[in-house]
PDB file of N, CA and C in Angstrom:
ATOM      1  N   MET A   1       0.798  -1.236   0.065  1.00  0.00           N
ATOM      2  CA  MET A   1      -0.168  -0.235   0.103  1.00  0.00           C
ATOM      3  C   MET A   1       0.878   0.996  -0.082  1.00  0.00           C
ATOM      4  N   SER A   2       0.609   2.320  -0.700  1.00  0.00           N
ATOM      5  CA  SER A   2       1.272   3.333  -1.017  1.00  0.00           C
ATOM      6  C   SER A   2       0.777   4.387  -0.062  1.00  0.00           C
ATOM      7  N   SER A   3       1.375   5.507   0.515  1.00  0.00           N
ATOM      8  CA  SER A   3       0.677   6.231   1.326  1.00  0.00           C
ATOM      9  C   SER A   3       0.835   7.845   0.105  1.00  0.00           C
ATOM     10  N   ILE A   4      -0.430   8.619   0.829  1.00  0.00           N
ATOM     11  CA  ILE A   4      -0.736   9.492   0.076  1.00  0.00           C
ATOM     12  C   ILE A   4      -0.754  10.931   0.989  1.00  0.00           C
ATOM     13  N   GLN A   5      -0.913  11.926   0.609  1.00  0.00           N
ATOM     14  CA  GLN A   5      -1.308  12.977   1.436  1.00  0.00           C
ATOM     15  C   GLN A   5      -2.840  12.592   1.473  1.00  0.00           C
ATOM     16  N   PRO A   6      -3.374  13.328   2.445  1.00  0.00           N
ATOM     17  CA  PRO A   6      -4.900  13.217   2.607  1.00  0.00           C
ATOM     18  C   PRO A   6      -5.624  14.135   1.533  1.00  0.00           C
ATOM     19  N   CYS A   7      -6.276  13.462   0.982  1.00  0.00           N
ATOM     20  CA  CYS A   7      -7.391  13.753  -0.157  1.00  0.00           C
ATOM     21  C   CYS A   7      -8.909  13.904  -0.100  1.00  0.00           C
ATOM     22  N   VAL A   8      -9.490  14.670  -0.058  1.00  0.00           N
ATOM     23  CA  VAL A   8     -10.998  14.950   0.270  1.00  0.00           C
ATOM     24  C   VAL A   8     -11.695  13.976  -1.085  1.00  0.00           C
ATOM     25  N   VAL A   9     -12.737  13.207  -0.335  1.00  0.00           N
ATOM     26  CA  VAL A   9     -13.446  12.712  -1.596  1.00  0.00           C
ATOM     27  C   VAL A   9     -15.041  12.845  -1.156  1.00  0.00           C
ATOM     28  N   THR A  10     -15.715  13.301  -1.930  1.00  0.00           N
ATOM     29  CA  THR A  10     -17.120  13.525  -1.978  1.00  0.00           C
ATOM     30  C   THR A  10     -17.803  12.370  -2.214  1.00  0.00           C
ATOM     31  N   THR A  11     -18.783  12.288  -1.556  1.00  0.00           N
ATOM     32  CA  THR A  11     -19.628  10.706  -1.681  1.00  0.00           C
ATOM     33  C   THR A  11     -21.552  11.541  -1.617  1.00  0.00           C
ATOM     34  N   THR A  12     -22.417  10.857  -2.702  1.00  0.00           N
ATOM     35  CA  THR A  12     -23.570  11.503  -2.469  1.00  0.00           C
ATOM     36  C   THR A  12     -24.356  10.210  -2.289  1.00  0.00           C
ATOM     37  N   LYS A  13     -25.161  10.441  -1.288  1.00  0.00           N
ATOM     38  CA  LYS A  13     -26.259   9.285  -0.578  1.00  0.00           C
ATOM     39  C   LYS A  13     -27.191   9.552  -1.066  1.00  0.00           C
ATOM     40  N   THR A  14     -28.350   8.731  -1.039  1.00  0.00           N
ATOM     41  CA  THR A  14     -29.974   9.336  -1.410  1.00  0.00           C
ATOM     42  C   THR A  14     -30.606   8.446   0.262  1.00  0.00           C
ATOM     43  N   ILE A  15     -31.120   9.676   0.882  1.00  0.00           N
ATOM     44  CA  ILE A  15     -31.919   9.384   2.046  1.00  0.00           C
ATOM     45  C   ILE A  15     -33.227   8.850   1.491  1.00  0.00           C
ATOM     46  N   VAL A  16     -33.639   8.372   2.078  1.00  0.00           N
ATOM     47  CA  VAL A  16     -35.098   7.536   1.968  1.00  0.00           C
ATOM     48  C   VAL A  16     -35.861   7.496   3.169  1.00  0.00           C
ATOM     49  N   SER A  17     -35.116   7.784   4.351  1.00  0.00           N
ATOM     50  CA  SER A  17     -36.083   7.453   5.486  1.00  0.00           C
ATOM     51  C   SER A  17     -35.062   8.054   6.952  1.00  0.00           C
ATOM     52  N   PHE A  18     -36.157   7.768   7.695  1.00  0.00           N
ATOM     53  CA  PHE A  18     -35.668   9.010   9.156  1.00  0.00           C
ATOM     54  C   PHE A  18     -36.400   8.596  10.200  1.00  0.00           C
ATOM     55  N   THR A  19     -35.573   8.439  11.462  1.00  0.00           N
ATOM     56  CA  THR A  19     -35.924   8.156  12.764  1.00  0.00           C
ATOM     57  C   THR A  19     -36.011   9.639  13.705  1.00  0.00           C
ATOM     58  N   VAL A  20     -36.786   9.720  14.555  1.00  0.00           N
ATOM     59  CA  VAL A  20     -36.429  11.100  15.585  1.00  0.00           C
ATOM     60  C   VAL A  20     -36.713  10.432  16.855  1.00  0.00           C
ATOM     61  N   VAL A  21     -35.661  10.650  17.923  1.00  0.00           N
ATOM     62  CA  VAL A  21     -36.006  10.931  19.111  1.00  0.00           C
ATOM     63  C   VAL A  21     -35.844  11.552  20.013  1.00  0.00           C
ATOM     64  N   CYS A  22     -36.721  11.625  20.690  1.00  0.00           N
ATOM     65  CA  CYS A  22     -36.762  13.107  21.755  1.00  0.00           C
ATOM     66  C   CYS A  22     -35.599  12.948  22.404  1.00  0.00           C
ATOM     67  N   GLU A  23     -34.625  13.729  22.504  1.00  0.00           N
ATOM     68  CA  GLU A  23     -33.312  13.442  23.757  1.00  0.00           C
ATOM     69  C   GLU A  23     -33.318  14.569  24.870  1.00  0.00           C
ATOM     70  N   ASN A  24     -33.872  15.473  24.745  1.00  0.00           N
ATOM     71  CA  ASN A  24     -34.532  16.671  26.075  1.00  0.00           C
ATOM     72  C   ASN A  24     -35.315  17.156  25.766  1.00  0.00           C
ATOM     73  N   ILE A  25     -36.390  17.881  26.501  1.00  0.00           N
ATOM     74  CA  ILE A  25     -37.491  18.428  27.217  1.00  0.00           C
ATOM     75  C   ILE A  25     -37.313  19.225  27.985  1.00  0.00           C
ATOM     76  N   THR A  26     -37.362  20.720  27.946  1.00  0.00           N
ATOM     77  CA  THR A  26     -37.596  21.793  28.930  1.00  0.00           C
ATOM     78  C   THR A  26     -39.067  21.901  28.873  1.00  0.00           C
ATOM     79  N   LEU A  27     -39.509  21.534  29.958  1.00  0.00           N
ATOM     80  CA  LEU A  27     -41.220  21.662  29.849  1.00  0.00           C
ATOM     81  C   LEU A  27     -41.401  23.314  30.005  1.00  0.00           C
ATOM     82  N   PHE A  28     -42.507  23.347  28.800  1.00  0.00           N
ATOM     83  CA  PHE A  28     -43.119  24.297  28.533  1.00  0.00           C
ATOM     84  C   PHE A  28     -42.120  25.683  27.581  1.00  0.00           C
ATOM     85  N   GLN A  29     -41.130  25.394  27.046  1.00  0.00           N
ATOM     86  CA  GLN A  29     -39.930  25.728  26.616  1.00  0.00           C
ATOM     87  C   GLN A  29     -39.669  25.219  25.278  1.00  0.00           C
ATOM     88  N   SER A  30     -38.858  24.521  25.069  1.00  0.00           N
ATOM     89  CA  SER A  30     -38.385  23.836  24.060  1.00  0.00           C
ATOM     90  C   SER A  30     -38.407  22.028  24.098  1.00  0.00           C
ATOM     91  N   ALA A  31     -37.948  21.347  23.225  1.00  0.00           N
ATOM     92  CA  ALA A  31     -37.542  19.999  23.004  1.00  0.00           C
ATOM     93  C   ALA A  31     -36.438  20.038  21.822  1.00  0.00           C
ATOM     94  N   THR A  32     -35.639  19.032  22.099  1.00  0.00           N
ATOM     95  CA  THR A  32     -34.232  18.680  21.230  1.00  0.00           C
ATOM     96  C   THR A  32     -34.499  17.158  20.930  1.00  0.00           C
ATOM     97  N   PHE A  33     -34.438  17.007  19.926  1.00  0.00           N
ATOM     98  CA  PHE A  33     -34.650  15.405  18.965  1.00  0.00           C
ATOM     99  C   PHE A  33     -33.297  15.215  17.962  1.00  0.00           C
ATOM    100  N   ARG A  34     -32.891  13.982  18.393  1.00  0.00           N
ATOM    101  CA  ARG A  34     -31.948  13.535  17.621  1.00  0.00           C
ATOM    102  C   ARG A  34     -32.751  12.897  15.902  1.00  0.00           C
ATOM    103  N   VAL A  35     -32.043  13.361  14.997  1.00  0.00           N
ATOM    104  CA  VAL A  35     -32.707  12.621  13.781  1.00  0.00           C
ATOM    105  C   VAL A  35     -31.234  12.144  12.907  1.00  0.00           C
ATOM    106  N   ASP A  36     -31.987  10.539  12.775  1.00  0.00           N
ATOM    107  CA  ASP A  36     -30.932   9.707  12.367  1.00  0.00           C
ATOM    108  C   ASP A  36     -31.707   9.647  10.532  1.00  0.00           C
ATOM    109  N   SER A  37     -30.976   9.794   9.662  1.00  0.00           N
ATOM    110  CA  SER A  37     -31.481   9.830   8.046  1.00  0.00           C
ATOM    111  C   SER A  37     -30.482   8.399   7.847  1.00  0.00           C
ATOM    112  N   PHE A  38     -31.584   7.517   6.883  1.00  0.00           N
ATOM    113  CA  PHE A  38     -31.124   6.364   6.359  1.00  0.00           C
ATOM    114  C   PHE A  38     -31.209   6.079   4.891  1.00  0.00           C
ATOM    115  N   ASP A  39     -30.293   5.857   3.932  1.00  0.00           N
ATOM    116  CA  ASP A  39     -30.228   5.336   2.764  1.00  0.00           C
ATOM    117  C   ASP A  39     -31.401   4.116   2.379  1.00  0.00           C
ATOM    118  N   ALA A  40     -31.199   3.655   1.115  1.00  0.00           N
ATOM    119  CA  ALA A  40     -32.201   2.438   0.802  1.00  0.00           C
ATOM    120  C   ALA A  40     -32.046   1.130   1.776  1.00  0.00           C
ATOM    121  N   ASP A  41     -30.538   1.194   1.790  1.00  0.00           N
ATOM    122  CA  ASP A  41     -29.768  -0.505   2.295  1.00  0.00           C
ATOM    123  C   ASP A  41     -30.140  -0.028   3.839  1.00  0.00           C
ATOM    124  N   GLY A  42     -30.826   0.671   4.458  1.00  0.00           N
ATOM    125  CA  GLY A  42     -30.683   1.104   5.945  1.00  0.00           C
ATOM    126  C   GLY A  42     -29.566   1.118   6.462  1.00  0.00           C
ATOM    127  N   ASN A  43     -28.642   1.844   5.951  1.00  0.00           N
ATOM    128  CA  ASN A  43     -27.493   2.162   6.499  1.00  0.00           C
ATOM    129  C   ASN A  43     -27.737   3.721   6.828  1.00  0.00           C
ATOM    130  N   MET A  44     -27.055   4.238   8.265  1.00  0.00           N
ATOM    131  CA  MET A  44     -27.522   5.698   8.800  1.00  0.00           C
ATOM    132  C   MET A  44     -26.304   6.105   7.612  1.00  0.00           C
ATOM    133  N   VAL A  45     -26.850   7.338   7.228  1.00  0.00           N
ATOM    134  CA  VAL A  45     -26.307   8.491   6.805  1.00  0.00           C
ATOM    135  C   VAL A  45     -25.700   9.659   7.292  1.00  0.00           C
ATOM    136  N   ASN A  46     -26.890  10.027   7.894  1.00  0.00           N
ATOM    137  CA  ASN A  46     -26.445  11.580   8.938  1.00  0.00           C
ATOM    138  C   ASN A  46     -27.003  11.458  10.207  1.00  0.00           C
ATOM    139  N   ARG A  47     -26.588  11.937  11.194  1.00  0.00           N
ATOM    140  CA  ARG A  47     -27.377  12.303  12.209  1.00  0.00           C
ATOM    141  C   ARG A  47     -27.243  13.557  12.677  1.00  0.00           C
ATOM    142  N   GLN A  48     -28.297  14.383  13.271  1.00  0.00           N
ATOM    143  CA  GLN A  48     -28.447  16.021  13.118  1.00  0.00           C
ATOM    144  C   GLN A  48     -29.182  15.885  14.598  1.00  0.00           C
ATOM    145  N   TYR A  49     -29.112  17.340  15.437  1.00  0.00           N
ATOM    146  CA  TYR A  49     -29.844  17.375  16.347  1.00  0.00           C
ATOM    147  C   TYR A  49     -30.560  18.830  15.869  1.00  0.00           C
ATOM    148  N   LEU A  50     -31.826  18.536  16.344  1.00  0.00           N
ATOM    149  CA  LEU A  50     -32.872  19.956  16.068  1.00  0.00           C
ATOM    150  C   LEU A  50     -33.296  20.228  17.234  1.00  0.00           C
ATOM    151  N   THR A  51     -33.882  21.405  17.323  1.00  0.00           N
ATOM    152  CA  THR A  51     -34.090  22.185  18.646  1.00  0.00           C
ATOM    153  C   THR A  51     -35.563  22.614  18.665  1.00  0.00           C
ATOM    154  N   MET A  52     -36.746  22.606  18.987  1.00  0.00           N
ATOM    155  CA  MET A  52     -37.798  23.311  18.648  1.00  0.00           C
ATOM    156  C   MET A  52     -37.581  24.680  19.570  1.00  0.00           C
ATOM    157  N   THR A  53     -38.111  25.531  19.114  1.00  0.00           N
ATOM    158  CA  THR A  53     -38.020  26.978  19.670  1.00  0.00           C
ATOM    159  C   THR A  53     -39.288  26.827  20.486  1.00  0.00           C
ATOM    160  N   ASN A  54     -39.671  27.937  21.644  1.00  0.00           N
ATOM    161  CA  ASN A  54     -40.632  27.564  22.418  1.00  0.00           C
ATOM    162  C   ASN A  54     -41.612  27.903  21.727  1.00  0.00           C
ATOM    163  N   GLU A  55     -42.053  28.655  20.530  1.00  0.00           N
ATOM    164  CA  GLU A  55     -43.166  28.680  19.697  1.00  0.00           C
ATOM    165  C   GLU A  55     -43.629  27.584  19.138  1.00  0.00           C
ATOM    166  N   GLN A  56     -42.897  26.461  18.539  1.00  0.00           N
ATOM    167  CA  GLN A  56     -42.710  25.338  17.915  1.00  0.00           C
ATOM    168  C   GLN A  56     -43.089  24.528  19.215  1.00  0.00           C
ATOM    169  N   TYR A  57     -42.419  24.548  20.300  1.00  0.00           N
ATOM    170  CA  TYR A  57     -42.453  23.548  21.492  1.00  0.00           C
ATOM    171  C   TYR A  57     -44.137  23.538  21.790  1.00  0.00           C
ATOM    172  N   LEU A  58     -44.708  24.997  22.196  1.00  0.00           N
ATOM    173  CA  LEU A  58     -46.021  24.947  22.395  1.00  0.00           C
ATOM    174  C   LEU A  58     -47.238  24.657  21.645  1.00  0.00           C
ATOM    175  N   ALA A  59     -46.379  24.797  19.857  1.00  0.00           N
ATOM    176  CA  ALA A  59     -47.775  24.309  18.982  1.00  0.00           C
ATOM    177  C   ALA A  59     -47.573  22.931  18.830  1.00  0.00           C
ATOM    178  N   TRP A  60     -46.808  22.200  19.220  1.00  0.00           N
ATOM    179  CA  TRP A  60     -46.500  20.623  19.027  1.00  0.00           C
ATOM    180  C   TRP A  60     -47.960  20.059  19.990  1.00  0.00           C
ATOM    181  N   LYS A  61     -48.349  20.630  21.073  1.00  0.00           N
ATOM    182  CA  LYS A  61     -49.393  19.758  21.954  1.00  0.00           C
ATOM    183  C   LYS A  61     -49.217  18.048  22.093  1.00  0.00           C
ATOM    184  N   ASN A  62     -50.297  17.321  21.476  1.00  0.00           N
ATOM    185  CA  ASN A  62     -50.162  16.235  21.647  1.00  0.00           C
ATOM    186  C   ASN A  62     -49.878  15.224  20.534  1.00  0.00           C
ATOM    187  N   ASP A  63     -50.002  15.996  19.334  1.00  0.00           N
ATOM    188  CA  ASP A  63     -50.003  15.536  18.317  1.00  0.00           C
ATOM    189  C   ASP A  63     -48.475  15.071  17.259  1.00  0.00           C
ATOM    190  N   ASP A  64     -48.130  13.878  17.699  1.00  0.00           N
ATOM    191  CA  ASP A  64     -46.356  13.470  17.062  1.00  0.00           C
ATOM    192  C   ASP A  64     -46.090  13.677  15.680  1.00  0.00           C
ATOM    193  N   SER A  65     -47.510  14.178  14.911  1.00  0.00           N
ATOM    194  CA  SER A  65     -47.142  14.046  13.589  1.00  0.00           C
ATOM    195  C   SER A  65     -46.250  15.567  13.136  1.00  0.00           C
ATOM    196  N   TYR A  66     -46.767  16.132  14.136  1.00  0.00           N
ATOM    197  CA  TYR A  66     -46.315  17.671  14.182  1.00  0.00           C
ATOM    198  C   TYR A  66     -44.364  17.871  14.354  1.00  0.00           C
ATOM    199  N   VAL A  67     -44.161  16.792  15.010  1.00  0.00           N
ATOM    200  CA  VAL A  67     -42.663  16.476  15.297  1.00  0.00           C
ATOM    201  C   VAL A  67     -42.092  16.227  13.774  1.00  0.00           C
ATOM    202  N   LEU A  68     -42.814  15.232  13.260  1.00  0.00           N
ATOM    203  CA  LEU A  68     -42.327  14.617  11.889  1.00  0.00           C
ATOM    204  C   LEU A  68     -42.315  15.566  10.967  1.00  0.00           C
ATOM    205  N   ASP A  69     -43.551  16.291  10.835  1.00  0.00           N
ATOM    206  CA  ASP A  69     -43.335  17.504   9.871  1.00  0.00           C
ATOM    207  C   ASP A  69     -42.778  18.494  10.407  1.00  0.00           C
ATOM    208  N   PHE A  70     -42.343  18.860  11.504  1.00  0.00           N
ATOM    209  CA  PHE A  70     -41.363  19.897  11.902  1.00  0.00           C
ATOM    210  C   PHE A  70     -39.860  19.315  11.607  1.00  0.00           C
ATOM    211  N   VAL A  71     -39.305  18.000  11.570  1.00  0.00           N
ATOM    212  CA  VAL A  71     -38.202  17.455  11.452  1.00  0.00           C
ATOM    213  C   VAL A  71     -37.855  17.833   9.936  1.00  0.00           C
ATOM    214  N   ALA A  72     -39.109  17.246   8.934  1.00  0.00           N
ATOM    215  CA  ALA A  72     -38.854  17.174   7.423  1.00  0.00           C
ATOM    216  C   ALA A  72     -38.945  18.940   7.177  1.00  0.00           C
ATOM    217  N   ALA A  73     -39.303  19.766   7.668  1.00  0.00           N
ATOM    218  CA  ALA A  73     -39.457  21.098   7.116  1.00  0.00           C
ATOM    219  C   ALA A  73     -37.846  21.910   7.310  1.00  0.00           C
ATOM    220  N   SER A  74     -37.640  21.060   8.667  1.00  0.00           N
ATOM    221  CA  SER A  74     -36.224  21.569   8.958  1.00  0.00           C
ATOM    222  C   SER A  74     -35.240  21.203   8.024  1.00  0.00           C
ATOM    223  N   LEU A  75     -35.204  19.714   7.391  1.00  0.00           N
ATOM    224  CA  LEU A  75     -34.051  19.109   6.669  1.00  0.00           C
ATOM    225  C   LEU A  75     -34.660  19.364   5.080  1.00  0.00           C
ATOM    226  N   GLY A  76     -35.467  19.857   4.852  1.00  0.00           N
ATOM    227  CA  GLY A  76     -35.703  19.714   3.230  1.00  0.00           C
ATOM    228  C   GLY A  76     -36.467  18.621   2.970  1.00  0.00           C
ATOM    229  N   TYR A  77     -37.126  17.666   3.819  1.00  0.00           N
ATOM    230  CA  TYR A  77     -37.552  16.260   3.255  1.00  0.00           C
ATOM    231  C   TYR A  77     -39.112  16.554   3.278  1.00  0.00           C
ATOM    232  N   THR A  78     -39.424  15.693   2.514  1.00  0.00           N
ATOM    233  CA  THR A  78     -40.791  15.500   1.987  1.00  0.00           C
ATOM    234  C   THR A  78     -41.400  14.192   2.009  1.00  0.00           C
ATOM    235  N   ILE A  79     -42.189  13.867   3.288  1.00  0.00           N
ATOM    236  CA  ILE A  79     -43.016  13.092   3.658  1.00  0.00           C
ATOM    237  C   ILE A  79     -43.826  12.250   2.957  1.00  0.00           C
ATOM    238  N   ASN A  80     -43.513  10.862   2.426  1.00  0.00           N
ATOM    239  CA  ASN A  80     -44.492  10.177   1.511  1.00  0.00           C
ATOM    240  C   ASN A  80     -45.928   9.747   2.622  1.00  0.00           C
ATOM    241  N   SER A  81     -46.822  10.223   2.059  1.00  0.00           N
ATOM    242  CA  SER A  81     -48.104  10.299   2.627  1.00  0.00           C
ATOM    243  C   SER A  81     -48.730   8.777   3.142  1.00  0.00           C
ATOM    244  N   SER A  82     -48.041   8.255   1.844  1.00  0.00           N
ATOM    245  CA  SER A  82     -48.290   6.569   1.887  1.00  0.00           C
ATOM    246  C   SER A  82     -47.804   5.969   2.578  1.00  0.00           C
ATOM    247  N   ALA A  83     -46.674   6.317   3.641  1.00  0.00           N
ATOM    248  CA  ALA A  83     -45.816   5.710   4.218  1.00  0.00           C
ATOM    249  C   ALA A  83     -46.441   5.888   5.629  1.00  0.00           C
ATOM    250  N   LEU A  84     -47.280   6.927   5.978  1.00  0.00           N
ATOM    251  CA  LEU A  84     -47.740   7.021   7.135  1.00  0.00           C
ATOM    252  C   LEU A  84     -48.782   5.955   7.824  1.00  0.00           C
TER     253      LEU A  84
END
């Protein structure tokens, strides 16, 4: 094996699904979510953390689809309605 200087290689992956885990809630103020995004083979492509502002948190109420919509909008994803 030959040693080389570090070389940047860009890889493009297609994300087809994501999961959401609530990492932290500050009651009446905010919530932080861990979002894992996956390719078609089920390999995790990306992990991000998103925090709802106070206004977003208060709008959440008890509808978890609000969280999915919040994540999708934040990351530029479009949810397939047939998958829900």
